[in-house]
C-alpha cells in the first residue's frame, strides 16, 4: 500500500479559483499542489527551475511545515515515519 495519496484532485469537482471564499481558497490550494506534485510534471519543472527557485520552494514548504505542524505531526504526516516525539 502506498504511503502517499492524492485523491482530492481525482475527486474534486468544485470551483478552482482564488479569492471567492476561504473554503474555495483551501480547496484550490489542495488541488493545485496535488496537480503540481505529479511525478511527470515535477521531473520537467524541477530541471527547469533556477537554483534560487528551488531554494525558495524548499524554504516556503519548510516554513509552512514548521509553522503549522507539531514535531509529531511532521514525522507522522509528512515524513510518514510514525516516529512519536
N, C-alpha and C. Protein backbone atom coordinates (compact mmCIF):
# COMPACT_ATOMS: atom_id res chain seq x y z
N UNK A 1 0.84 -1.19 0.00
CA UNK A 1 0.00 0.00 0.00
C UNK A 1 0.89 1.25 0.00
N UNK A 2 0.51 2.21 -0.78
CA UNK A 2 1.26 3.45 -0.88
C UNK A 2 1.10 4.30 0.38
N UNK A 3 2.16 4.97 0.78
CA UNK A 3 2.10 5.85 1.94
C UNK A 3 1.48 7.20 1.62
N UNK A 4 1.54 7.61 0.36
CA UNK A 4 1.07 8.93 -0.04
C UNK A 4 -0.20 8.81 -0.87
N UNK A 5 -1.03 9.82 -0.78
CA UNK A 5 -2.27 9.83 -1.55
C UNK A 5 -2.48 11.21 -2.18
N UNK A 6 -3.15 11.19 -3.29
CA UNK A 6 -3.54 12.42 -3.98
C UNK A 6 -4.97 12.26 -4.49
N UNK A 7 -5.84 11.83 -3.60
CA UNK A 7 -7.22 11.54 -4.00
C UNK A 7 -8.07 12.78 -4.19
N UNK A 8 -7.77 13.84 -3.50
CA UNK A 8 -8.58 15.06 -3.59
C UNK A 8 -8.70 15.53 -5.03
N UNK A 9 -7.57 15.65 -5.71
CA UNK A 9 -7.55 16.15 -7.08
C UNK A 9 -8.31 15.22 -8.03
N UNK A 10 -8.36 13.96 -7.71
CA UNK A 10 -9.07 12.99 -8.56
C UNK A 10 -10.58 13.09 -8.40
N UNK A 11 -11.03 13.59 -7.25
CA UNK A 11 -12.45 13.58 -6.94
C UNK A 11 -13.10 14.96 -6.86
N UNK A 12 -12.31 16.01 -6.78
CA UNK A 12 -12.86 17.35 -6.58
C UNK A 12 -13.52 17.86 -7.86
N UNK A 13 -14.73 18.38 -7.71
CA UNK A 13 -15.45 18.90 -8.87
C UNK A 13 -15.92 20.34 -8.63
N UNK A 14 -15.43 20.93 -7.55
CA UNK A 14 -15.82 22.30 -7.23
C UNK A 14 -15.01 23.33 -7.98
N UNK A 15 -15.24 24.57 -7.63
CA UNK A 15 -14.56 25.70 -8.24
C UNK A 15 -13.07 25.66 -7.94
N UNK A 16 -12.26 25.89 -8.96
CA UNK A 16 -10.83 26.06 -8.79
C UNK A 16 -10.53 27.52 -9.11
N UNK A 17 -10.29 28.28 -8.07
CA UNK A 17 -10.03 29.69 -8.22
C UNK A 17 -9.72 30.27 -6.86
N UNK A 18 -9.19 31.45 -6.84
CA UNK A 18 -8.77 32.03 -5.57
C UNK A 18 -9.46 33.35 -5.33
N UNK A 19 -9.90 33.57 -4.09
CA UNK A 19 -10.48 34.83 -3.70
C UNK A 19 -11.99 34.82 -3.50
N UNK A 20 -12.65 33.74 -3.81
CA UNK A 20 -14.11 33.67 -3.65
C UNK A 20 -14.50 33.58 -2.18
N UNK A 21 -13.91 32.61 -1.48
CA UNK A 21 -14.16 32.41 -0.05
C UNK A 21 -13.07 31.49 0.49
N UNK A 22 -12.99 31.40 1.80
CA UNK A 22 -11.91 30.64 2.44
C UNK A 22 -11.91 29.17 2.02
N UNK A 23 -13.07 28.51 2.02
CA UNK A 23 -13.14 27.08 1.68
C UNK A 23 -12.69 26.84 0.24
N UNK A 24 -13.13 27.69 -0.69
CA UNK A 24 -12.70 27.55 -2.08
C UNK A 24 -11.20 27.79 -2.21
N UNK A 25 -10.68 28.76 -1.47
CA UNK A 25 -9.23 29.01 -1.47
C UNK A 25 -8.47 27.78 -0.98
N UNK A 26 -8.93 27.18 0.12
CA UNK A 26 -8.28 25.98 0.65
C UNK A 26 -8.33 24.85 -0.37
N UNK A 27 -9.50 24.62 -0.96
CA UNK A 27 -9.65 23.56 -1.96
C UNK A 27 -8.77 23.80 -3.17
N UNK A 28 -8.66 25.05 -3.58
CA UNK A 28 -7.83 25.40 -4.73
C UNK A 28 -6.36 25.11 -4.44
N UNK A 29 -5.90 25.44 -3.23
CA UNK A 29 -4.51 25.16 -2.86
C UNK A 29 -4.25 23.66 -2.88
N UNK A 30 -5.16 22.87 -2.31
CA UNK A 30 -5.01 21.41 -2.33
C UNK A 30 -4.95 20.91 -3.78
N UNK A 31 -5.89 21.37 -4.58
CA UNK A 31 -5.97 20.97 -5.99
C UNK A 31 -4.67 21.31 -6.72
N UNK A 32 -4.23 22.55 -6.60
CA UNK A 32 -3.01 22.99 -7.28
C UNK A 32 -1.79 22.21 -6.82
N UNK A 33 -1.64 22.04 -5.51
CA UNK A 33 -0.46 21.33 -5.01
C UNK A 33 -0.44 19.87 -5.45
N UNK A 34 -1.62 19.23 -5.46
CA UNK A 34 -1.65 17.84 -5.90
C UNK A 34 -1.38 17.72 -7.40
N UNK A 35 -1.90 18.65 -8.18
CA UNK A 35 -1.60 18.65 -9.61
C UNK A 35 -0.11 18.95 -9.83
N UNK A 36 0.40 19.93 -9.08
CA UNK A 36 1.79 20.37 -9.20
C UNK A 36 2.77 19.26 -8.86
N UNK A 37 2.43 18.42 -7.88
CA UNK A 37 3.36 17.40 -7.41
C UNK A 37 3.33 16.11 -8.23
N UNK A 38 2.60 16.10 -9.32
CA UNK A 38 2.59 14.95 -10.22
C UNK A 38 4.02 14.61 -10.64
N UNK A 39 4.38 13.36 -10.57
CA UNK A 39 5.76 12.94 -10.85
C UNK A 39 6.26 13.41 -12.22
N UNK A 40 5.45 13.24 -13.24
CA UNK A 40 5.88 13.63 -14.59
C UNK A 40 6.10 15.14 -14.69
N UNK A 41 5.17 15.91 -14.15
CA UNK A 41 5.30 17.36 -14.17
C UNK A 41 6.52 17.81 -13.37
N UNK A 42 6.70 17.25 -12.18
CA UNK A 42 7.83 17.65 -11.33
C UNK A 42 9.17 17.33 -11.98
N UNK A 43 9.24 16.21 -12.70
CA UNK A 43 10.52 15.86 -13.34
C UNK A 43 10.91 16.89 -14.39
N UNK A 44 9.94 17.52 -15.02
CA UNK A 44 10.22 18.56 -16.01
C UNK A 44 10.49 19.90 -15.33
N UNK A 45 9.59 20.30 -14.42
CA UNK A 45 9.70 21.62 -13.80
C UNK A 45 10.98 21.76 -12.97
N UNK A 46 11.30 20.77 -12.17
CA UNK A 46 12.48 20.92 -11.30
C UNK A 46 13.76 21.06 -12.10
N UNK A 47 13.84 20.40 -13.24
CA UNK A 47 15.04 20.56 -14.09
C UNK A 47 15.12 21.97 -14.68
N UNK A 48 13.98 22.62 -14.84
CA UNK A 48 13.95 23.95 -15.45
C UNK A 48 14.01 25.08 -14.43
N UNK A 49 13.79 24.77 -13.17
CA UNK A 49 13.83 25.79 -12.13
C UNK A 49 15.26 26.27 -11.90
N UNK A 50 15.38 27.54 -11.58
CA UNK A 50 16.69 28.06 -11.22
C UNK A 50 17.06 27.57 -9.82
N UNK A 51 18.32 27.71 -9.47
CA UNK A 51 18.76 27.35 -8.12
C UNK A 51 17.98 28.17 -7.09
N UNK A 52 17.75 29.43 -7.39
CA UNK A 52 17.01 30.30 -6.49
C UNK A 52 15.57 29.82 -6.33
N UNK A 53 14.93 29.45 -7.42
CA UNK A 53 13.56 28.94 -7.34
C UNK A 53 13.48 27.65 -6.53
N UNK A 54 14.44 26.77 -6.72
CA UNK A 54 14.49 25.53 -5.93
C UNK A 54 14.61 25.86 -4.45
N UNK A 55 15.53 26.75 -4.12
CA UNK A 55 15.74 27.13 -2.72
C UNK A 55 14.51 27.81 -2.13
N UNK A 56 13.89 28.71 -2.87
CA UNK A 56 12.69 29.41 -2.39
C UNK A 56 11.54 28.43 -2.14
N UNK A 57 11.38 27.48 -3.04
CA UNK A 57 10.33 26.48 -2.87
C UNK A 57 10.58 25.63 -1.64
N UNK A 58 11.80 25.17 -1.49
CA UNK A 58 12.18 24.38 -0.32
C UNK A 58 11.94 25.15 0.97
N UNK A 59 12.37 26.40 1.01
CA UNK A 59 12.21 27.22 2.21
C UNK A 59 10.75 27.51 2.51
N UNK A 60 9.93 27.77 1.51
CA UNK A 60 8.50 28.00 1.71
C UNK A 60 7.83 26.77 2.32
N UNK A 61 8.09 25.62 1.74
CA UNK A 61 7.48 24.39 2.25
C UNK A 61 7.93 24.13 3.69
N UNK A 62 9.21 24.28 3.96
CA UNK A 62 9.70 24.06 5.32
C UNK A 62 9.10 25.05 6.32
N UNK A 63 8.98 26.31 5.92
CA UNK A 63 8.37 27.31 6.80
C UNK A 63 6.92 26.95 7.12
N UNK A 64 6.16 26.54 6.14
CA UNK A 64 4.77 26.15 6.36
C UNK A 64 4.70 24.94 7.28
N UNK A 65 5.54 23.96 7.04
CA UNK A 65 5.54 22.76 7.90
C UNK A 65 5.88 23.13 9.34
N UNK A 66 6.91 23.95 9.54
CA UNK A 66 7.32 24.34 10.89
C UNK A 66 6.27 25.18 11.59
N UNK A 67 5.58 26.03 10.84
CA UNK A 67 4.58 26.92 11.44
C UNK A 67 3.27 26.23 11.80
N UNK A 68 2.97 25.12 11.15
CA UNK A 68 1.63 24.56 11.29
C UNK A 68 1.57 23.11 11.74
N UNK A 69 2.70 22.46 11.92
CA UNK A 69 2.70 21.08 12.40
C UNK A 69 3.55 20.96 13.66
N UNK A 70 3.08 20.13 14.57
CA UNK A 70 3.92 19.76 15.70
C UNK A 70 5.01 18.83 15.18
N UNK A 71 6.00 18.58 15.98
CA UNK A 71 7.07 17.67 15.56
C UNK A 71 6.52 16.29 15.28
N UNK A 72 5.61 15.82 16.12
CA UNK A 72 4.99 14.52 15.92
C UNK A 72 4.18 14.47 14.62
N UNK A 73 3.41 15.53 14.36
CA UNK A 73 2.65 15.60 13.10
C UNK A 73 3.58 15.62 11.90
N UNK A 74 4.67 16.35 12.03
CA UNK A 74 5.66 16.40 10.95
C UNK A 74 6.17 15.01 10.62
N UNK A 75 6.51 14.25 11.64
CA UNK A 75 7.02 12.89 11.42
C UNK A 75 5.93 11.96 10.89
N UNK A 76 4.75 12.04 11.47
CA UNK A 76 3.68 11.13 11.08
C UNK A 76 3.04 11.48 9.74
N UNK A 77 2.77 12.76 9.52
CA UNK A 77 2.03 13.17 8.33
C UNK A 77 2.91 13.49 7.12
N UNK A 78 4.06 14.11 7.36
CA UNK A 78 4.93 14.49 6.25
C UNK A 78 5.98 13.42 5.96
N UNK A 79 6.76 13.05 6.95
CA UNK A 79 7.80 12.05 6.74
C UNK A 79 7.24 10.63 6.65
N UNK A 80 6.06 10.41 7.21
CA UNK A 80 5.40 9.11 7.22
C UNK A 80 6.25 8.05 7.92
N UNK A 81 6.95 8.48 8.99
CA UNK A 81 7.81 7.53 9.68
C UNK A 81 7.26 7.07 11.01
N UNK A 82 6.06 7.52 11.37
CA UNK A 82 5.39 7.11 12.62
C UNK A 82 6.30 7.23 13.82
N UNK A 83 7.16 8.21 13.82
CA UNK A 83 8.07 8.46 14.93
C UNK A 83 7.40 9.43 15.90
N UNK A 84 7.12 8.97 17.09
CA UNK A 84 6.49 9.85 18.10
C UNK A 84 7.56 10.54 18.91
N UNK A 85 7.35 11.83 19.12
CA UNK A 85 8.26 12.64 19.95
C UNK A 85 7.51 13.17 21.14
